[in-house]
């Protein structure tokens, strides 16, 4: 399993557009083959910074998403809204405590 974390910062005037786009596409992203989990977080100290957190069955599934028309559609809408360069990490979950 791959955990994908993406950090995005937006101009204040673009936050609502980002949230609208996320609301419109989150179901499609979550339903994409290989995606088993999707969350959106907002930074507590800087409300213009957001993080997505998703689980992918494999690196191949994540790459299929990144090459998909859905990703191109989502990214083309979000990219012009950024105030900072987005950062992304693919990490391996080692342990979960509940």
PDB file of N, CA and C in Angstrom:
ATOM      1  N   UNK A   1       0.846  -1.186   0.000  1.00  0.00           N
ATOM      2  CA  UNK A   1       0.000   0.000   0.000  1.00  0.00           C
ATOM      3  C   UNK A   1       0.887   1.243   0.000  1.00  0.00           C
ATOM      4  N   UNK A   2       0.450   2.252  -0.722  1.00  0.00           N
ATOM      5  CA  UNK A   2       1.112   3.550  -0.785  1.00  0.00           C
ATOM      6  C   UNK A   2       0.203   4.587  -0.132  1.00  0.00           C
ATOM      7  N   UNK A   3       0.756   5.408   0.729  1.00  0.00           N
ATOM      8  CA  UNK A   3       0.034   6.547   1.278  1.00  0.00           C
ATOM      9  C   UNK A   3       0.570   7.777   0.570  1.00  0.00           C
ATOM     10  N   UNK A   4      -0.315   8.549  -0.010  1.00  0.00           N
ATOM     11  CA  UNK A   4       0.078   9.750  -0.750  1.00  0.00           C
ATOM     12  C   UNK A   4      -0.382  10.965   0.036  1.00  0.00           C
ATOM     13  N   UNK A   5       0.566  11.847   0.327  1.00  0.00           N
ATOM     14  CA  UNK A   5       0.294  13.087   1.046  1.00  0.00           C
ATOM     15  C   UNK A   5       0.664  14.234   0.118  1.00  0.00           C
ATOM     16  N   UNK A   6      -0.267  15.153  -0.090  1.00  0.00           N
ATOM     17  CA  UNK A   6      -0.024  16.301  -0.963  1.00  0.00           C
ATOM     18  C   UNK A   6      -0.324  17.572  -0.187  1.00  0.00           C
ATOM     19  N   UNK A   7       0.641  18.473  -0.162  1.00  0.00           N
ATOM     20  CA  UNK A   7       0.493  19.779   0.498  1.00  0.00           C
ATOM     21  C   UNK A   7       0.274  20.834  -0.575  1.00  0.00           C
ATOM     22  N   UNK A   8      -0.786  21.652  -0.378  1.00  0.00           N
ATOM     23  CA  UNK A   8      -1.129  22.692  -1.346  1.00  0.00           C
ATOM     24  C   UNK A   8      -1.442  23.985  -0.610  1.00  0.00           C
ATOM     25  N   UNK A   9      -0.943  25.076  -1.112  1.00  0.00           N
ATOM     26  CA  UNK A   9      -1.261  26.389  -0.562  1.00  0.00           C
ATOM     27  C   UNK A   9      -1.984  27.208  -1.604  1.00  0.00           C
ATOM     28  N   UNK A  10      -2.992  27.961  -1.180  1.00  0.00           N
ATOM     29  CA  UNK A  10      -3.834  28.709  -2.111  1.00  0.00           C
ATOM     30  C   UNK A  10      -3.889  30.180  -1.744  1.00  0.00           C
ATOM     31  N   UNK A  11      -4.045  31.007  -2.760  1.00  0.00           N
ATOM     32  CA  UNK A  11      -4.354  32.405  -2.493  1.00  0.00           C
ATOM     33  C   UNK A  11      -5.697  32.446  -1.781  1.00  0.00           C
ATOM     34  N   UNK A  12      -5.814  33.340  -0.824  1.00  0.00           N
ATOM     35  CA  UNK A  12      -7.017  33.411   0.002  1.00  0.00           C
ATOM     36  C   UNK A  12      -8.291  33.479  -0.843  1.00  0.00           C
ATOM     37  N   UNK A  13      -8.252  34.254  -1.904  1.00  0.00           N
ATOM     38  CA  UNK A  13      -9.438  34.420  -2.751  1.00  0.00           C
ATOM     39  C   UNK A  13      -9.767  33.161  -3.561  1.00  0.00           C
ATOM     40  N   UNK A  14      -8.853  32.165  -3.575  1.00  0.00           N
ATOM     41  CA  UNK A  14      -9.075  30.941  -4.349  1.00  0.00           C
ATOM     42  C   UNK A  14      -9.495  29.738  -3.504  1.00  0.00           C
ATOM     43  N   UNK A  15      -9.556  29.917  -2.198  1.00  0.00           N
ATOM     44  CA  UNK A  15      -9.873  28.788  -1.321  1.00  0.00           C
ATOM     45  C   UNK A  15     -11.249  28.206  -1.619  1.00  0.00           C
ATOM     46  N   UNK A  16     -12.246  29.042  -1.784  1.00  0.00           N
ATOM     47  CA  UNK A  16     -13.595  28.519  -2.070  1.00  0.00           C
ATOM     48  C   UNK A  16     -13.630  27.752  -3.387  1.00  0.00           C
ATOM     49  N   UNK A  17     -12.900  28.239  -4.395  1.00  0.00           N
ATOM     50  CA  UNK A  17     -12.851  27.532  -5.682  1.00  0.00           C
ATOM     51  C   UNK A  17     -12.197  26.162  -5.515  1.00  0.00           C
ATOM     52  N   UNK A  18     -11.136  26.105  -4.723  1.00  0.00           N
ATOM     53  CA  UNK A  18     -10.496  24.814  -4.457  1.00  0.00           C
ATOM     54  C   UNK A  18     -11.460  23.870  -3.749  1.00  0.00           C
ATOM     55  N   UNK A  19     -12.112  24.363  -2.688  1.00  0.00           N
ATOM     56  CA  UNK A  19     -13.033  23.516  -1.930  1.00  0.00           C
ATOM     57  C   UNK A  19     -14.201  23.046  -2.786  1.00  0.00           C
ATOM     58  N   UNK A  20     -14.718  23.915  -3.650  1.00  0.00           N
ATOM     59  CA  UNK A  20     -15.788  23.512  -4.570  1.00  0.00           C
ATOM     60  C   UNK A  20     -15.313  22.403  -5.499  1.00  0.00           C
ATOM     61  N   UNK A  21     -14.098  22.570  -6.038  1.00  0.00           N
ATOM     62  CA  UNK A  21     -13.548  21.558  -6.940  1.00  0.00           C
ATOM     63  C   UNK A  21     -13.335  20.240  -6.207  1.00  0.00           C
ATOM     64  N   UNK A  22     -12.816  20.300  -4.982  1.00  0.00           N
ATOM     65  CA  UNK A  22     -12.621  19.068  -4.213  1.00  0.00           C
ATOM     66  C   UNK A  22     -13.969  18.388  -3.969  1.00  0.00           C
ATOM     67  N   UNK A  23     -14.961  19.173  -3.578  1.00  0.00           N
ATOM     68  CA  UNK A  23     -16.297  18.613  -3.341  1.00  0.00           C
ATOM     69  C   UNK A  23     -16.838  17.932  -4.603  1.00  0.00           C
ATOM     70  N   UNK A  24     -16.627  18.552  -5.755  1.00  0.00           N
ATOM     71  CA  UNK A  24     -17.144  18.014  -7.014  1.00  0.00           C
ATOM     72  C   UNK A  24     -16.427  16.748  -7.475  1.00  0.00           C
ATOM     73  N   UNK A  25     -15.157  16.581  -7.093  1.00  0.00           N
ATOM     74  CA  UNK A  25     -14.357  15.480  -7.641  1.00  0.00           C
ATOM     75  C   UNK A  25     -13.964  14.411  -6.621  1.00  0.00           C
ATOM     76  N   UNK A  26     -14.194  14.642  -5.348  1.00  0.00           N
ATOM     77  CA  UNK A  26     -13.724  13.705  -4.319  1.00  0.00           C
ATOM     78  C   UNK A  26     -14.302  12.304  -4.492  1.00  0.00           C
ATOM     79  N   UNK A  27     -15.559  12.208  -4.876  1.00  0.00           N
ATOM     80  CA  UNK A  27     -16.169  10.892  -5.079  1.00  0.00           C
ATOM     81  C   UNK A  27     -15.524  10.131  -6.219  1.00  0.00           C
ATOM     82  N   UNK A  28     -15.210  10.830  -7.300  1.00  0.00           N
ATOM     83  CA  UNK A  28     -14.555  10.194  -8.443  1.00  0.00           C
ATOM     84  C   UNK A  28     -13.133   9.765  -8.097  1.00  0.00           C
ATOM     85  N   UNK A  29     -12.433  10.609  -7.347  1.00  0.00           N
ATOM     86  CA  UNK A  29     -11.071  10.248  -6.945  1.00  0.00           C
ATOM     87  C   UNK A  29     -11.114   9.011  -6.051  1.00  0.00           C
ATOM     88  N   UNK A  30     -11.981   9.041  -5.063  1.00  0.00           N
ATOM     89  CA  UNK A  30     -12.084   7.915  -4.125  1.00  0.00           C
ATOM     90  C   UNK A  30     -12.512   6.637  -4.830  1.00  0.00           C
ATOM     91  N   UNK A  31     -13.341   6.764  -5.865  1.00  0.00           N
ATOM     92  CA  UNK A  31     -13.820   5.589  -6.595  1.00  0.00           C
ATOM     93  C   UNK A  31     -12.823   5.104  -7.640  1.00  0.00           C
ATOM     94  N   UNK A  32     -11.749   5.850  -7.861  1.00  0.00           N
ATOM     95  CA  UNK A  32     -10.765   5.441  -8.861  1.00  0.00           C
ATOM     96  C   UNK A  32     -10.154   4.106  -8.452  1.00  0.00           C
ATOM     97  N   UNK A  33      -9.954   3.235  -9.425  1.00  0.00           N
ATOM     98  CA  UNK A  33      -9.411   1.910  -9.132  1.00  0.00           C
ATOM     99  C   UNK A  33      -8.095   2.011  -8.356  1.00  0.00           C
ATOM    100  N   UNK A  34      -8.047   1.344  -7.226  1.00  0.00           N
ATOM    101  CA  UNK A  34      -6.839   1.319  -6.416  1.00  0.00           C
ATOM    102  C   UNK A  34      -6.836   2.290  -5.262  1.00  0.00           C
ATOM    103  N   UNK A  35      -7.761   3.258  -5.249  1.00  0.00           N
ATOM    104  CA  UNK A  35      -7.840   4.218  -4.144  1.00  0.00           C
ATOM    105  C   UNK A  35      -8.801   3.662  -3.096  1.00  0.00           C
ATOM    106  N   UNK A  36      -8.303   3.522  -1.872  1.00  0.00           N
ATOM    107  CA  UNK A  36      -9.155   2.952  -0.825  1.00  0.00           C
ATOM    108  C   UNK A  36      -9.458   3.931   0.306  1.00  0.00           C
ATOM    109  N   UNK A  37      -8.922   5.156   0.205  1.00  0.00           N
ATOM    110  CA  UNK A  37      -9.101   6.108   1.306  1.00  0.00           C
ATOM    111  C   UNK A  37      -8.732   7.494   0.806  1.00  0.00           C
ATOM    112  N   UNK A  38      -9.503   8.506   1.215  1.00  0.00           N
ATOM    113  CA  UNK A  38      -9.203   9.882   0.823  1.00  0.00           C
ATOM    114  C   UNK A  38      -9.689  10.819   1.914  1.00  0.00           C
ATOM    115  N   UNK A  39      -8.802  11.718   2.342  1.00  0.00           N
ATOM    116  CA  UNK A  39      -9.161  12.742   3.320  1.00  0.00           C
ATOM    117  C   UNK A  39      -8.570  14.078   2.882  1.00  0.00           C
ATOM    118  N   UNK A  40      -9.207  15.142   3.361  1.00  0.00           N
ATOM    119  CA  UNK A  40      -8.705  16.498   3.155  1.00  0.00           C
ATOM    120  C   UNK A  40      -8.504  17.134   4.521  1.00  0.00           C
ATOM    121  N   UNK A  41      -7.350  17.744   4.712  1.00  0.00           N
ATOM    122  CA  UNK A  41      -7.017  18.428   5.965  1.00  0.00           C
ATOM    123  C   UNK A  41      -6.722  19.893   5.682  1.00  0.00           C
ATOM    124  N   UNK A  42      -6.927  20.722   6.710  1.00  0.00           N
ATOM    125  CA  UNK A  42      -6.598  22.144   6.623  1.00  0.00           C
ATOM    126  C   UNK A  42      -5.663  22.490   7.773  1.00  0.00           C
ATOM    127  N   UNK A  43      -4.607  23.218   7.470  1.00  0.00           N
ATOM    128  CA  UNK A  43      -3.636  23.615   8.486  1.00  0.00           C
ATOM    129  C   UNK A  43      -4.293  24.521   9.523  1.00  0.00           C
ATOM    130  N   UNK A  44      -4.023  24.259  10.786  1.00  0.00           N
ATOM    131  CA  UNK A  44      -4.629  25.038  11.877  1.00  0.00           C
ATOM    132  C   UNK A  44      -4.039  26.435  12.003  1.00  0.00           C
ATOM    133  N   UNK A  45      -2.775  26.618  11.643  1.00  0.00           N
ATOM    134  CA  UNK A  45      -2.145  27.931  11.796  1.00  0.00           C
ATOM    135  C   UNK A  45      -2.170  28.758  10.513  1.00  0.00           C
ATOM    136  N   UNK A  46      -2.310  28.103   9.380  1.00  0.00           N
ATOM    137  CA  UNK A  46      -2.379  28.809   8.097  1.00  0.00           C
ATOM    138  C   UNK A  46      -3.551  28.243   7.307  1.00  0.00           C
ATOM    139  N   UNK A  47      -4.726  28.865   7.386  1.00  0.00           N
ATOM    140  CA  UNK A  47      -5.934  28.291   6.769  1.00  0.00           C
ATOM    141  C   UNK A  47      -5.943  28.282   5.238  1.00  0.00           C
ATOM    142  N   UNK A  48      -4.874  28.782   4.616  1.00  0.00           N
ATOM    143  CA  UNK A  48      -4.805  28.695   3.154  1.00  0.00           C
ATOM    144  C   UNK A  48      -3.986  27.476   2.705  1.00  0.00           C
ATOM    145  N   UNK A  49      -3.529  26.662   3.655  1.00  0.00           N
ATOM    146  CA  UNK A  49      -2.757  25.456   3.344  1.00  0.00           C
ATOM    147  C   UNK A  49      -3.612  24.223   3.627  1.00  0.00           C
ATOM    148  N   UNK A  50      -3.649  23.328   2.652  1.00  0.00           N
ATOM    149  CA  UNK A  50      -4.437  22.098   2.725  1.00  0.00           C
ATOM    150  C   UNK A  50      -3.552  20.903   2.409  1.00  0.00           C
ATOM    151  N   UNK A  51      -3.984  19.747   2.888  1.00  0.00           N
ATOM    152  CA  UNK A  51      -3.302  18.489   2.613  1.00  0.00           C
ATOM    153  C   UNK A  51      -4.337  17.461   2.182  1.00  0.00           C
ATOM    154  N   UNK A  52      -4.017  16.692   1.157  1.00  0.00           N
ATOM    155  CA  UNK A  52      -4.813  15.509   0.861  1.00  0.00           C
ATOM    156  C   UNK A  52      -4.008  14.299   1.317  1.00  0.00           C
ATOM    157  N   UNK A  53      -4.731  13.289   1.745  1.00  0.00           N
ATOM    158  CA  UNK A  53      -4.144  12.092   2.311  1.00  0.00           C
ATOM    159  C   UNK A  53      -4.923  10.936   1.704  1.00  0.00           C
ATOM    160  N   UNK A  54      -4.255  10.108   0.922  1.00  0.00           N
ATOM    161  CA  UNK A  54      -4.964   9.018   0.241  1.00  0.00           C
ATOM    162  C   UNK A  54      -4.168   7.724   0.313  1.00  0.00           C
ATOM    163  N   UNK A  55      -4.884   6.607   0.301  1.00  0.00           N
ATOM    164  CA  UNK A  55      -4.277   5.276   0.289  1.00  0.00           C
ATOM    165  C   UNK A  55      -4.466   4.697  -1.108  1.00  0.00           C
ATOM    166  N   UNK A  56      -3.413   4.112  -1.630  1.00  0.00           N
ATOM    167  CA  UNK A  56      -3.428   3.460  -2.941  1.00  0.00           C
ATOM    168  C   UNK A  56      -2.928   2.038  -2.785  1.00  0.00           C
ATOM    169  N   UNK A  57      -3.569   1.105  -3.463  1.00  0.00           N
ATOM    170  CA  UNK A  57      -3.210  -0.313  -3.348  1.00  0.00           C
ATOM    171  C   UNK A  57      -1.762  -0.566  -3.755  1.00  0.00           C
ATOM    172  N   UNK A  58      -1.275   0.219  -4.736  1.00  0.00           N
ATOM    173  CA  UNK A  58       0.094   0.026  -5.214  1.00  0.00           C
ATOM    174  C   UNK A  58       0.577   1.304  -5.897  1.00  0.00           C
ATOM    175  N   UNK A  59       1.862   1.354  -6.130  1.00  0.00           N
ATOM    176  CA  UNK A  59       2.455   2.463  -6.882  1.00  0.00           C
ATOM    177  C   UNK A  59       1.857   2.522  -8.290  1.00  0.00           C
ATOM    178  N   UNK A  60       1.581   1.353  -8.871  1.00  0.00           N
ATOM    179  CA  UNK A  60       1.004   1.298 -10.216  1.00  0.00           C
ATOM    180  C   UNK A  60      -0.386   1.940 -10.254  1.00  0.00           C
ATOM    181  N   UNK A  61      -1.202   1.692  -9.214  1.00  0.00           N
ATOM    182  CA  UNK A  61      -2.526   2.310  -9.168  1.00  0.00           C
ATOM    183  C   UNK A  61      -2.407   3.831  -9.063  1.00  0.00           C
ATOM    184  N   UNK A  62      -1.502   4.294  -8.235  1.00  0.00           N
ATOM    185  CA  UNK A  62      -1.295   5.741  -8.115  1.00  0.00           C
ATOM    186  C   UNK A  62      -0.852   6.327  -9.446  1.00  0.00           C
ATOM    187  N   UNK A  63       0.046   5.660 -10.133  1.00  0.00           N
ATOM    188  CA  UNK A  63       0.518   6.151 -11.434  1.00  0.00           C
ATOM    189  C   UNK A  63      -0.602   6.139 -12.475  1.00  0.00           C
ATOM    190  N   UNK A  64      -1.457   5.135 -12.430  1.00  0.00           N
ATOM    191  CA  UNK A  64      -2.602   5.107 -13.351  1.00  0.00           C
ATOM    192  C   UNK A  64      -3.495   6.318 -13.108  1.00  0.00           C
ATOM    193  N   UNK A  65      -3.711   6.649 -11.839  1.00  0.00           N
ATOM    194  CA  UNK A  65      -4.495   7.839 -11.524  1.00  0.00           C
ATOM    195  C   UNK A  65      -3.801   9.095 -12.034  1.00  0.00           C
ATOM    196  N   UNK A  66      -2.515   9.218 -11.779  1.00  0.00           N
ATOM    197  CA  UNK A  66      -1.766  10.415 -12.173  1.00  0.00           C
ATOM    198  C   UNK A  66      -1.728  10.597 -13.696  1.00  0.00           C
ATOM    199  N   UNK A  67      -1.920   9.520 -14.450  1.00  0.00           N
ATOM    200  CA  UNK A  67      -1.936   9.588 -15.920  1.00  0.00           C
ATOM    201  C   UNK A  67      -3.353   9.652 -16.486  1.00  0.00           C
ATOM    202  N   UNK A  68      -4.349   9.661 -15.612  1.00  0.00           N
ATOM    203  CA  UNK A  68      -5.748   9.575 -16.049  1.00  0.00           C
ATOM    204  C   UNK A  68      -6.314  10.941 -16.462  1.00  0.00           C
ATOM    205  N   UNK A  69      -7.405  10.871 -17.200  1.00  0.00           N
ATOM    206  CA  UNK A  69      -8.132  12.086 -17.579  1.00  0.00           C
ATOM    207  C   UNK A  69      -8.700  12.772 -16.335  1.00  0.00           C
ATOM    208  N   UNK A  70      -9.110  11.987 -15.348  1.00  0.00           N
ATOM    209  CA  UNK A  70      -9.630  12.568 -14.109  1.00  0.00           C
ATOM    210  C   UNK A  70      -8.568  13.438 -13.442  1.00  0.00           C
ATOM    211  N   UNK A  71      -7.354  12.930 -13.298  1.00  0.00           N
ATOM    212  CA  UNK A  71      -6.290  13.714 -12.683  1.00  0.00           C
ATOM    213  C   UNK A  71      -6.013  14.974 -13.495  1.00  0.00           C
ATOM    214  N   UNK A  72      -5.948  14.847 -14.816  1.00  0.00           N
ATOM    215  CA  UNK A  72      -5.701  16.014 -15.674  1.00  0.00           C
ATOM    216  C   UNK A  72      -6.782  17.064 -15.473  1.00  0.00           C
ATOM    217  N   UNK A  73      -8.033  16.635 -15.354  1.00  0.00           N
ATOM    218  CA  UNK A  73      -9.147  17.555 -15.134  1.00  0.00           C
ATOM    219  C   UNK A  73      -9.014  18.245 -13.778  1.00  0.00           C
ATOM    220  N   UNK A  74      -8.775  17.452 -12.741  1.00  0.00           N
ATOM    221  CA  UNK A  74      -8.647  18.003 -11.385  1.00  0.00           C
ATOM    222  C   UNK A  74      -7.469  18.972 -11.327  1.00  0.00           C
ATOM    223  N   UNK A  75      -6.329  18.532 -11.812  1.00  0.00           N
ATOM    224  CA  UNK A  75      -5.108  19.347 -11.708  1.00  0.00           C
ATOM    225  C   UNK A  75      -5.215  20.627 -12.530  1.00  0.00           C
ATOM    226  N   UNK A  76      -5.854  20.571 -13.697  1.00  0.00           N
ATOM    227  CA  UNK A  76      -5.970  21.774 -14.526  1.00  0.00           C
ATOM    228  C   UNK A  76      -6.831  22.838 -13.848  1.00  0.00           C
ATOM    229  N   UNK A  77      -7.779  22.416 -13.025  1.00  0.00           N
ATOM    230  CA  UNK A  77      -8.614  23.372 -12.292  1.00  0.00           C
ATOM    231  C   UNK A  77      -7.914  23.923 -11.054  1.00  0.00           C
ATOM    232  N   UNK A  78      -7.099  23.097 -10.405  1.00  0.00           N
ATOM    233  CA  UNK A  78      -6.477  23.472  -9.139  1.00  0.00           C
ATOM    234  C   UNK A  78      -5.174  24.241  -9.339  1.00  0.00           C
ATOM    235  N   UNK A  79      -4.400  23.866 -10.310  1.00  0.00           N
ATOM    236  CA  UNK A  79      -3.059  24.437 -10.503  1.00  0.00           C
ATOM    237  C   UNK A  79      -3.041  25.969 -10.543  1.00  0.00           C
ATOM    238  N   UNK A  80      -3.960  26.630 -11.248  1.00  0.00           N
ATOM    239  CA  UNK A  80      -3.922  28.101 -11.282  1.00  0.00           C
ATOM    240  C   UNK A  80      -4.259  28.769  -9.939  1.00  0.00           C
ATOM    241  N   UNK A  81      -4.751  28.002  -8.978  1.00  0.00           N
ATOM    242  CA  UNK A  81      -5.182  28.559  -7.697  1.00  0.00           C
ATOM    243  C   UNK A  81      -4.062  28.613  -6.658  1.00  0.00           C
ATOM    244  N   UNK A  82      -2.937  27.944  -6.937  1.00  0.00           N
ATOM    245  CA  UNK A  82      -1.860  27.813  -5.957  1.00  0.00           C
ATOM    246  C   UNK A  82      -1.161  29.132  -5.661  1.00  0.00           C
ATOM    247  N   UNK A  83      -0.814  29.312  -4.383  1.00  0.00           N
ATOM    248  CA  UNK A  83       0.033  30.434  -3.973  1.00  0.00           C
ATOM    249  C   UNK A  83       1.460  29.970  -3.694  1.00  0.00           C
ATOM    250  N   UNK A  84       1.627  28.665  -3.493  1.00  0.00           N
ATOM    251  CA  UNK A  84       2.943  28.069  -3.295  1.00  0.00           C
ATOM    252  C   UNK A  84       3.047  26.817  -4.158  1.00  0.00           C
ATOM    253  N   UNK A  85       4.258  26.403  -4.400  1.00  0.00           N
ATOM    254  CA  UNK A  85       4.449  25.175  -5.167  1.00  0.00           C
ATOM    255  C   UNK A  85       3.956  23.990  -4.332  1.00  0.00           C
ATOM    256  N   UNK A  86       3.110  23.135  -4.905  1.00  0.00           N
ATOM    257  CA  UNK A  86       2.628  21.978  -4.153  1.00  0.00           C
ATOM    258  C   UNK A  86       3.770  20.992  -3.899  1.00  0.00           C
ATOM    259  N   UNK A  87       3.644  20.253  -2.813  1.00  0.00           N
ATOM    260  CA  UNK A  87       4.610  19.211  -2.471  1.00  0.00           C
ATOM    261  C   UNK A  87       3.858  17.910  -2.293  1.00  0.00           C
ATOM    262  N   UNK A  88       4.500  16.814  -2.681  1.00  0.00           N
ATOM    263  CA  UNK A  88       3.845  15.504  -2.571  1.00  0.00           C
ATOM    264  C   UNK A  88       4.844  14.465  -2.095  1.00  0.00           C
ATOM    265  N   UNK A  89       4.339  13.560  -1.273  1.00  0.00           N
ATOM    266  CA  UNK A  89       5.137  12.460  -0.757  1.00  0.00           C
ATOM    267  C   UNK A  89       4.363  11.165  -0.937  1.00  0.00           C
ATOM    268  N   UNK A  90       5.058  10.140  -1.373  1.00  0.00           N
ATOM    269  CA  UNK A  90       4.517   8.779  -1.349  1.00  0.00           C
ATOM    270  C   UNK A  90       5.262   8.057  -0.239  1.00  0.00           C
ATOM    271  N   UNK A  91       4.504   7.571   0.737  1.00  0.00           N
ATOM    272  CA  UNK A  91       5.120   6.940   1.902  1.00  0.00           C
ATOM    273  C   UNK A  91       4.510   5.559   2.117  1.00  0.00           C
ATOM    274  N   UNK A  92       5.246   4.747   2.826  1.00  0.00           N
ATOM    275  CA  UNK A  92       4.792   3.419   3.178  1.00  0.00           C
ATOM    276  C   UNK A  92       4.368   3.420   4.639  1.00  0.00           C
ATOM    277  N   UNK A  93       3.152   2.963   4.891  1.00  0.00           N
ATOM    278  CA  UNK A  93       2.685   2.876   6.274  1.00  0.00           C
ATOM    279  C   UNK A  93       3.405   1.723   6.960  1.00  0.00           C
ATOM    280  N   UNK A  94       3.999   2.014   8.099  1.00  0.00           N
ATOM    281  CA  UNK A  94       4.724   1.006   8.860  1.00  0.00           C
ATOM    282  C   UNK A  94       3.851   0.411   9.957  1.00  0.00           C
ATOM    283  N   UNK A  95       3.095   1.271  10.642  1.00  0.00           N
ATOM    284  CA  UNK A  95       2.329   0.784  11.786  1.00  0.00           C
ATOM    285  C   UNK A  95       1.151   1.706  12.063  1.00  0.00           C
ATOM    286  N   UNK A  96       0.055   1.138  12.522  1.00  0.00           N
ATOM    287  CA  UNK A  96      -1.107   1.902  12.959  1.00  0.00           C
ATOM    288  C   UNK A  96      -1.473   1.460  14.361  1.00  0.00           C
ATOM    289  N   UNK A  97      -1.689   2.407  15.237  1.00  0.00           N
ATOM    290  CA  UNK A  97      -2.163   2.129  16.593  1.00  0.00           C
ATOM    291  C   UNK A  97      -3.547   2.713  16.748  1.00  0.00           C
ATOM    292  N   UNK A  98      -4.465   1.973  17.301  1.00  0.00           N
ATOM    293  CA  UNK A  98      -5.830   2.472  17.504  1.00  0.00           C
ATOM    294  C   UNK A  98      -6.205   2.343  18.949  1.00  0.00           C
TER     295      UNK A  98
END
